[in-house]
Amino acid sequence: MLGWSADIEKATLDNDTFRTVLHTGQTMQLTVMSLRPGEEIGVEVHPHLDQFIRVEDGRAEVLMGRSRDDLSDARQLEDDWAVIIPGGTWHNVVNRGSSTLKLYSIYAPPEHPQGTVHRTKADADAAEAEHEG
C-alpha cells in the first residue's frame, strides 16, 4: 500500500504500547503512544526534526525550553489539543491525568526505525541506550 490510511483516533485510543510506529515515509513518521498516569516520555531534544503531538484522550503537560535544565515553557494539553515542538527544542511530555494518556506524534523527518514497537518506557529507554552506545 502506498502511504497510510486509517481512523487515527481509533488507532490512538486502541494503542496500549508506550510507542508504536504506524508509518514511516521519506520525510515524516507517524507514531502512537500510551502513557500511564504520572509517566513521562523523558527529557529529550531532536536537533534536526520538528514534532507534532496531538492528545486524543487524557491530560498532558508539555515542557519545553532552550536547554535541558530550563524547561520553563509549559503547555497544558487535553483531548483534541496539539503542540508543535520545533527542532532543537528540549522537551518532555508528562501524563498529568488520572487515566492513561493517548496521543499520536508526527516526526518530520522520521525519528524511529520503521516497525518500532516499544511496549513500555523501559523498552524505549533500553532501545535508545543501545542505539547511542
N, C-alpha and C. Protein backbone atom coordinates (compact mmCIF):
# COMPACT_ATOMS: atom_id res chain seq x y z
N MET A 1 0.85 -1.19 0.00
CA MET A 1 0.00 0.00 0.00
C MET A 1 0.88 1.24 0.00
N LEU A 2 0.54 2.16 -0.81
CA LEU A 2 1.22 3.44 -0.82
C LEU A 2 0.67 4.30 0.31
N GLY A 3 1.54 4.88 1.08
CA GLY A 3 1.09 5.75 2.16
C GLY A 3 0.46 4.99 3.31
N TRP A 4 -0.36 5.70 4.07
CA TRP A 4 -1.03 5.14 5.24
C TRP A 4 -2.41 5.76 5.34
N SER A 5 -3.39 4.96 5.69
CA SER A 5 -4.75 5.46 5.87
C SER A 5 -5.46 4.61 6.89
N ALA A 6 -6.06 5.25 7.88
CA ALA A 6 -6.84 4.56 8.91
C ALA A 6 -7.53 5.62 9.77
N ASP A 7 -8.36 5.18 10.66
CA ASP A 7 -9.01 6.05 11.63
C ASP A 7 -7.98 6.36 12.72
N ILE A 8 -7.34 7.53 12.65
CA ILE A 8 -6.25 7.87 13.57
C ILE A 8 -6.73 7.93 15.02
N GLU A 9 -7.95 8.40 15.24
CA GLU A 9 -8.47 8.44 16.61
C GLU A 9 -8.58 7.03 17.17
N LYS A 10 -9.15 6.11 16.40
CA LYS A 10 -9.29 4.72 16.86
C LYS A 10 -7.93 4.07 17.07
N ALA A 11 -7.01 4.28 16.13
CA ALA A 11 -5.66 3.71 16.25
C ALA A 11 -4.98 4.21 17.52
N THR A 12 -5.16 5.49 17.82
CA THR A 12 -4.53 6.08 19.01
C THR A 12 -5.18 5.55 20.28
N LEU A 13 -6.50 5.54 20.32
CA LEU A 13 -7.21 5.09 21.52
C LEU A 13 -7.04 3.60 21.78
N ASP A 14 -6.90 2.80 20.72
CA ASP A 14 -6.74 1.35 20.86
C ASP A 14 -5.31 0.96 21.22
N ASN A 15 -4.35 1.86 21.04
CA ASN A 15 -2.95 1.53 21.30
C ASN A 15 -2.71 1.35 22.80
N ASP A 16 -2.01 0.27 23.16
CA ASP A 16 -1.66 0.05 24.57
C ASP A 16 -0.16 -0.06 24.78
N THR A 17 0.62 0.37 23.80
CA THR A 17 2.08 0.36 23.94
C THR A 17 2.59 1.76 24.24
N PHE A 18 3.76 1.82 24.83
CA PHE A 18 4.38 3.12 25.08
C PHE A 18 4.57 3.86 23.75
N ARG A 19 5.09 3.14 22.73
CA ARG A 19 5.28 3.75 21.42
C ARG A 19 5.19 2.69 20.33
N THR A 20 4.43 2.99 19.29
CA THR A 20 4.37 2.14 18.11
C THR A 20 4.42 3.02 16.87
N VAL A 21 5.33 2.70 15.97
CA VAL A 21 5.41 3.41 14.69
C VAL A 21 4.34 2.82 13.77
N LEU A 22 3.45 3.68 13.28
CA LEU A 22 2.41 3.24 12.35
C LEU A 22 2.85 3.36 10.90
N HIS A 23 3.65 4.39 10.61
CA HIS A 23 4.07 4.60 9.22
C HIS A 23 5.34 5.44 9.20
N THR A 24 6.24 5.06 8.32
CA THR A 24 7.45 5.84 8.09
C THR A 24 7.54 6.16 6.60
N GLY A 25 7.55 7.44 6.28
CA GLY A 25 7.74 7.89 4.92
C GLY A 25 9.15 8.43 4.75
N GLN A 26 9.42 9.02 3.61
CA GLN A 26 10.74 9.58 3.36
C GLN A 26 11.01 10.81 4.23
N THR A 27 9.97 11.61 4.50
CA THR A 27 10.19 12.87 5.20
C THR A 27 9.38 13.03 6.47
N MET A 28 8.56 12.03 6.82
CA MET A 28 7.81 12.12 8.07
C MET A 28 7.45 10.74 8.59
N GLN A 29 7.07 10.70 9.87
CA GLN A 29 6.75 9.44 10.53
C GLN A 29 5.59 9.65 11.49
N LEU A 30 4.70 8.66 11.56
CA LEU A 30 3.55 8.69 12.46
C LEU A 30 3.70 7.61 13.53
N THR A 31 3.59 8.02 14.80
CA THR A 31 3.62 7.08 15.91
C THR A 31 2.42 7.32 16.81
N VAL A 32 2.03 6.27 17.55
CA VAL A 32 1.03 6.40 18.60
C VAL A 32 1.71 6.05 19.92
N MET A 33 1.23 6.70 21.00
CA MET A 33 1.83 6.47 22.32
C MET A 33 0.74 6.37 23.38
N SER A 34 1.07 5.64 24.43
CA SER A 34 0.18 5.47 25.58
C SER A 34 1.02 5.58 26.84
N LEU A 35 0.71 6.58 27.69
CA LEU A 35 1.47 6.82 28.91
C LEU A 35 0.56 6.64 30.12
N ARG A 36 1.02 5.87 31.08
CA ARG A 36 0.27 5.67 32.32
C ARG A 36 0.27 6.95 33.16
N PRO A 37 -0.66 7.08 34.10
CA PRO A 37 -0.68 8.27 34.97
C PRO A 37 0.70 8.50 35.61
N GLY A 38 1.20 9.72 35.51
CA GLY A 38 2.49 10.08 36.07
C GLY A 38 3.68 9.74 35.18
N GLU A 39 3.47 8.92 34.15
CA GLU A 39 4.57 8.52 33.27
C GLU A 39 4.94 9.68 32.35
N GLU A 40 6.19 9.71 31.92
CA GLU A 40 6.66 10.76 31.03
C GLU A 40 7.50 10.17 29.92
N ILE A 41 7.64 10.92 28.85
CA ILE A 41 8.50 10.49 27.75
C ILE A 41 9.95 10.59 28.17
N GLY A 42 10.27 11.62 28.93
CA GLY A 42 11.65 11.86 29.34
C GLY A 42 12.20 13.07 28.58
N VAL A 43 13.09 13.80 29.21
CA VAL A 43 13.66 15.00 28.61
C VAL A 43 14.50 14.60 27.40
N GLU A 44 14.22 15.24 26.27
CA GLU A 44 14.93 14.91 25.04
C GLU A 44 14.96 16.12 24.12
N VAL A 45 15.80 16.04 23.11
CA VAL A 45 15.88 17.06 22.07
C VAL A 45 16.09 16.35 20.74
N HIS A 46 15.45 16.86 19.70
CA HIS A 46 15.65 16.35 18.34
C HIS A 46 16.23 17.51 17.54
N PRO A 47 17.56 17.54 17.38
CA PRO A 47 18.20 18.70 16.75
C PRO A 47 17.72 19.00 15.32
N HIS A 48 17.38 17.97 14.57
CA HIS A 48 17.11 18.18 13.14
C HIS A 48 15.72 17.76 12.72
N LEU A 49 14.77 17.78 13.64
CA LEU A 49 13.40 17.45 13.24
C LEU A 49 12.39 18.21 14.08
N ASP A 50 11.25 18.44 13.48
CA ASP A 50 10.12 19.04 14.17
C ASP A 50 9.17 17.92 14.58
N GLN A 51 8.41 18.16 15.64
CA GLN A 51 7.48 17.15 16.15
C GLN A 51 6.12 17.77 16.41
N PHE A 52 5.08 17.09 15.94
CA PHE A 52 3.69 17.48 16.18
C PHE A 52 3.10 16.42 17.09
N ILE A 53 2.45 16.85 18.17
CA ILE A 53 1.80 15.92 19.12
C ILE A 53 0.36 16.34 19.28
N ARG A 54 -0.55 15.37 19.20
CA ARG A 54 -1.97 15.61 19.44
C ARG A 54 -2.46 14.64 20.49
N VAL A 55 -3.16 15.16 21.50
CA VAL A 55 -3.75 14.34 22.55
C VAL A 55 -5.15 13.92 22.12
N GLU A 56 -5.39 12.63 22.11
CA GLU A 56 -6.73 12.10 21.82
C GLU A 56 -7.52 11.87 23.10
N ASP A 57 -6.83 11.49 24.18
CA ASP A 57 -7.52 11.24 25.45
C ASP A 57 -6.54 11.43 26.59
N GLY A 58 -6.95 12.18 27.60
CA GLY A 58 -6.12 12.37 28.78
C GLY A 58 -5.66 13.81 28.94
N ARG A 59 -4.75 13.98 29.89
CA ARG A 59 -4.20 15.31 30.20
C ARG A 59 -2.68 15.23 30.18
N ALA A 60 -2.06 16.12 29.43
CA ALA A 60 -0.61 16.13 29.32
C ALA A 60 -0.07 17.50 29.66
N GLU A 61 1.12 17.52 30.20
CA GLU A 61 1.88 18.75 30.34
C GLU A 61 3.09 18.59 29.42
N VAL A 62 3.26 19.55 28.52
CA VAL A 62 4.40 19.56 27.62
C VAL A 62 5.32 20.67 28.10
N LEU A 63 6.54 20.29 28.46
CA LEU A 63 7.54 21.23 28.95
C LEU A 63 8.57 21.43 27.86
N MET A 64 8.90 22.69 27.57
CA MET A 64 9.86 22.99 26.51
C MET A 64 10.83 24.06 26.97
N GLY A 65 12.01 24.06 26.36
CA GLY A 65 13.00 25.09 26.67
C GLY A 65 14.20 25.00 25.76
N ARG A 66 15.08 25.97 25.91
CA ARG A 66 16.27 26.04 25.06
C ARG A 66 17.42 25.20 25.60
N SER A 67 17.27 24.69 26.84
CA SER A 67 18.31 23.82 27.40
C SER A 67 17.65 22.73 28.25
N ARG A 68 18.40 21.67 28.49
CA ARG A 68 17.91 20.55 29.30
C ARG A 68 17.50 21.02 30.70
N ASP A 69 18.20 22.03 31.21
CA ASP A 69 17.98 22.50 32.57
C ASP A 69 16.96 23.61 32.69
N ASP A 70 16.38 24.04 31.58
CA ASP A 70 15.39 25.12 31.63
C ASP A 70 14.21 24.78 30.72
N LEU A 71 13.27 24.02 31.28
CA LEU A 71 12.05 23.66 30.55
C LEU A 71 10.90 24.50 31.10
N SER A 72 11.07 25.81 31.03
CA SER A 72 10.13 26.73 31.68
C SER A 72 8.89 27.05 30.85
N ASP A 73 8.87 26.65 29.58
CA ASP A 73 7.69 26.89 28.74
C ASP A 73 6.78 25.67 28.87
N ALA A 74 5.76 25.78 29.71
CA ALA A 74 4.86 24.66 29.99
C ALA A 74 3.51 24.87 29.31
N ARG A 75 3.05 23.83 28.62
CA ARG A 75 1.75 23.87 27.95
C ARG A 75 0.90 22.73 28.48
N GLN A 76 -0.36 23.02 28.79
CA GLN A 76 -1.31 22.02 29.25
C GLN A 76 -2.16 21.57 28.06
N LEU A 77 -2.19 20.28 27.81
CA LEU A 77 -2.97 19.73 26.71
C LEU A 77 -4.00 18.75 27.25
N GLU A 78 -5.13 18.71 26.59
CA GLU A 78 -6.16 17.72 26.90
C GLU A 78 -6.75 17.25 25.58
N ASP A 79 -7.82 16.48 25.64
CA ASP A 79 -8.42 15.91 24.43
C ASP A 79 -8.51 16.95 23.32
N ASP A 80 -8.05 16.56 22.14
CA ASP A 80 -8.14 17.34 20.91
C ASP A 80 -7.18 18.53 20.84
N TRP A 81 -6.27 18.68 21.79
CA TRP A 81 -5.28 19.74 21.76
C TRP A 81 -4.00 19.20 21.14
N ALA A 82 -3.22 20.10 20.54
CA ALA A 82 -1.98 19.72 19.88
C ALA A 82 -0.88 20.74 20.20
N VAL A 83 0.34 20.32 19.97
CA VAL A 83 1.50 21.19 20.13
C VAL A 83 2.51 20.84 19.05
N ILE A 84 3.26 21.84 18.61
CA ILE A 84 4.37 21.62 17.70
C ILE A 84 5.65 21.98 18.45
N ILE A 85 6.60 21.06 18.44
CA ILE A 85 7.88 21.26 19.10
C ILE A 85 8.93 21.43 18.01
N PRO A 86 9.46 22.65 17.86
CA PRO A 86 10.45 22.90 16.81
C PRO A 86 11.74 22.13 17.05
N GLY A 87 12.42 21.76 15.98
CA GLY A 87 13.71 21.10 16.09
C GLY A 87 14.66 21.90 16.96
N GLY A 88 15.45 21.19 17.76
CA GLY A 88 16.42 21.84 18.64
C GLY A 88 15.84 22.28 19.97
N THR A 89 14.55 22.04 20.21
CA THR A 89 13.91 22.42 21.47
C THR A 89 13.92 21.25 22.44
N TRP A 90 14.49 21.48 23.61
CA TRP A 90 14.43 20.45 24.66
C TRP A 90 12.98 20.34 25.12
N HIS A 91 12.53 19.12 25.42
CA HIS A 91 11.13 18.95 25.80
C HIS A 91 10.91 17.65 26.58
N ASN A 92 9.75 17.60 27.20
CA ASN A 92 9.27 16.41 27.90
C ASN A 92 7.75 16.45 27.85
N VAL A 93 7.15 15.29 27.80
CA VAL A 93 5.69 15.16 27.86
C VAL A 93 5.38 14.30 29.07
N VAL A 94 4.53 14.82 29.97
CA VAL A 94 4.20 14.13 31.21
C VAL A 94 2.70 13.93 31.28
N ASN A 95 2.28 12.72 31.63
CA ASN A 95 0.86 12.46 31.85
C ASN A 95 0.48 13.04 33.20
N ARG A 96 -0.32 14.08 33.21
CA ARG A 96 -0.75 14.74 34.45
C ARG A 96 -2.16 14.32 34.86
N GLY A 97 -2.76 13.39 34.15
CA GLY A 97 -4.11 12.95 34.47
C GLY A 97 -4.12 11.70 35.33
N SER A 98 -5.33 11.28 35.67
CA SER A 98 -5.51 10.07 36.49
C SER A 98 -5.82 8.85 35.63
N SER A 99 -5.85 9.04 34.30
CA SER A 99 -6.08 7.92 33.39
C SER A 99 -4.95 7.90 32.36
N THR A 100 -4.95 6.89 31.54
CA THR A 100 -3.91 6.73 30.52
C THR A 100 -3.99 7.87 29.50
N LEU A 101 -2.84 8.42 29.16
CA LEU A 101 -2.73 9.46 28.15
C LEU A 101 -2.53 8.79 26.79
N LYS A 102 -3.38 9.14 25.84
CA LYS A 102 -3.31 8.58 24.49
C LYS A 102 -3.01 9.72 23.52
N LEU A 103 -1.92 9.59 22.77
CA LEU A 103 -1.54 10.64 21.85
C LEU A 103 -0.93 10.04 20.59
N TYR A 104 -0.91 10.86 19.55
CA TYR A 104 -0.11 10.49 18.39
C TYR A 104 0.87 11.60 18.09
N SER A 105 1.95 11.22 17.43
CA SER A 105 3.04 12.15 17.16
C SER A 105 3.49 11.98 15.72
N ILE A 106 3.76 13.11 15.09
CA ILE A 106 4.32 13.12 13.74
C ILE A 106 5.71 13.75 13.83
N TYR A 107 6.70 13.01 13.36
CA TYR A 107 8.07 13.49 13.29
C TYR A 107 8.39 13.82 11.84
N ALA A 108 9.08 14.95 11.62
CA ALA A 108 9.50 15.30 10.27
C ALA A 108 10.92 15.83 10.34
N PRO A 109 11.90 15.08 9.88
CA PRO A 109 11.85 13.75 9.27
C PRO A 109 11.67 12.65 10.32
N PRO A 110 11.61 11.37 9.88
CA PRO A 110 11.41 10.25 10.81
C PRO A 110 12.47 10.20 11.91
N GLU A 111 12.05 9.67 13.07
CA GLU A 111 12.93 9.57 14.24
C GLU A 111 13.26 8.12 14.59
N HIS A 112 12.33 7.21 14.43
CA HIS A 112 12.50 5.82 14.88
C HIS A 112 12.55 4.87 13.68
N PRO A 113 13.21 3.73 13.83
CA PRO A 113 13.21 2.75 12.73
C PRO A 113 11.78 2.29 12.41
N GLN A 114 11.51 2.08 11.11
CA GLN A 114 10.21 1.56 10.69
C GLN A 114 9.92 0.28 11.46
N GLY A 115 8.67 0.12 11.90
CA GLY A 115 8.26 -1.09 12.61
C GLY A 115 8.56 -1.07 14.10
N THR A 116 9.10 0.03 14.62
CA THR A 116 9.42 0.10 16.04
C THR A 116 8.18 -0.08 16.89
N VAL A 117 8.28 -0.96 17.89
CA VAL A 117 7.26 -1.12 18.92
C VAL A 117 7.98 -1.18 20.26
N HIS A 118 7.73 -0.21 21.12
CA HIS A 118 8.24 -0.22 22.49
C HIS A 118 7.04 -0.46 23.40
N ARG A 119 6.94 -1.66 23.93
CA ARG A 119 5.79 -1.99 24.78
C ARG A 119 5.73 -1.11 26.02
N THR A 120 6.90 -0.79 26.58
CA THR A 120 6.97 0.00 27.81
C THR A 120 8.02 1.10 27.67
N LYS A 121 8.01 2.04 28.60
CA LYS A 121 9.03 3.09 28.63
C LYS A 121 10.41 2.46 28.83
N ALA A 122 10.49 1.43 29.66
CA ALA A 122 11.77 0.74 29.88
C ALA A 122 12.30 0.16 28.57
N ASP A 123 11.42 -0.41 27.76
CA ASP A 123 11.84 -0.92 26.44
C ASP A 123 12.38 0.21 25.58
N ALA A 124 11.69 1.35 25.59
CA ALA A 124 12.14 2.50 24.79
C ALA A 124 13.49 2.99 25.27
N ASP A 125 13.68 3.10 26.59
CA ASP A 125 14.96 3.55 27.15
C ASP A 125 16.09 2.59 26.78
N ALA A 126 15.81 1.29 26.85
CA ALA A 126 16.84 0.29 26.51
C ALA A 126 17.21 0.39 25.03
N ALA A 127 16.24 0.57 24.16
CA ALA A 127 16.50 0.68 22.72
C ALA A 127 17.32 1.93 22.42
N GLU A 128 17.00 3.04 23.08
CA GLU A 128 17.75 4.28 22.86
C GLU A 128 19.18 4.15 23.38
N ALA A 129 19.36 3.50 24.54
CA ALA A 129 20.70 3.29 25.09
C ALA A 129 21.53 2.42 24.15
N GLU A 130 20.92 1.39 23.57
CA GLU A 130 21.62 0.51 22.63
C GLU A 130 22.00 1.28 21.38
N HIS A 131 21.09 2.12 20.91
CA HIS A 131 21.34 2.91 19.69
C HIS A 131 22.48 3.91 19.91
N GLU A 132 22.51 4.53 21.10
CA GLU A 132 23.54 5.53 21.40
C GLU A 132 24.87 4.89 21.78
N GLY A 133 24.82 3.66 22.33
CA GLY A 133 26.02 3.01 22.86
C GLY A 133 26.85 2.38 21.83
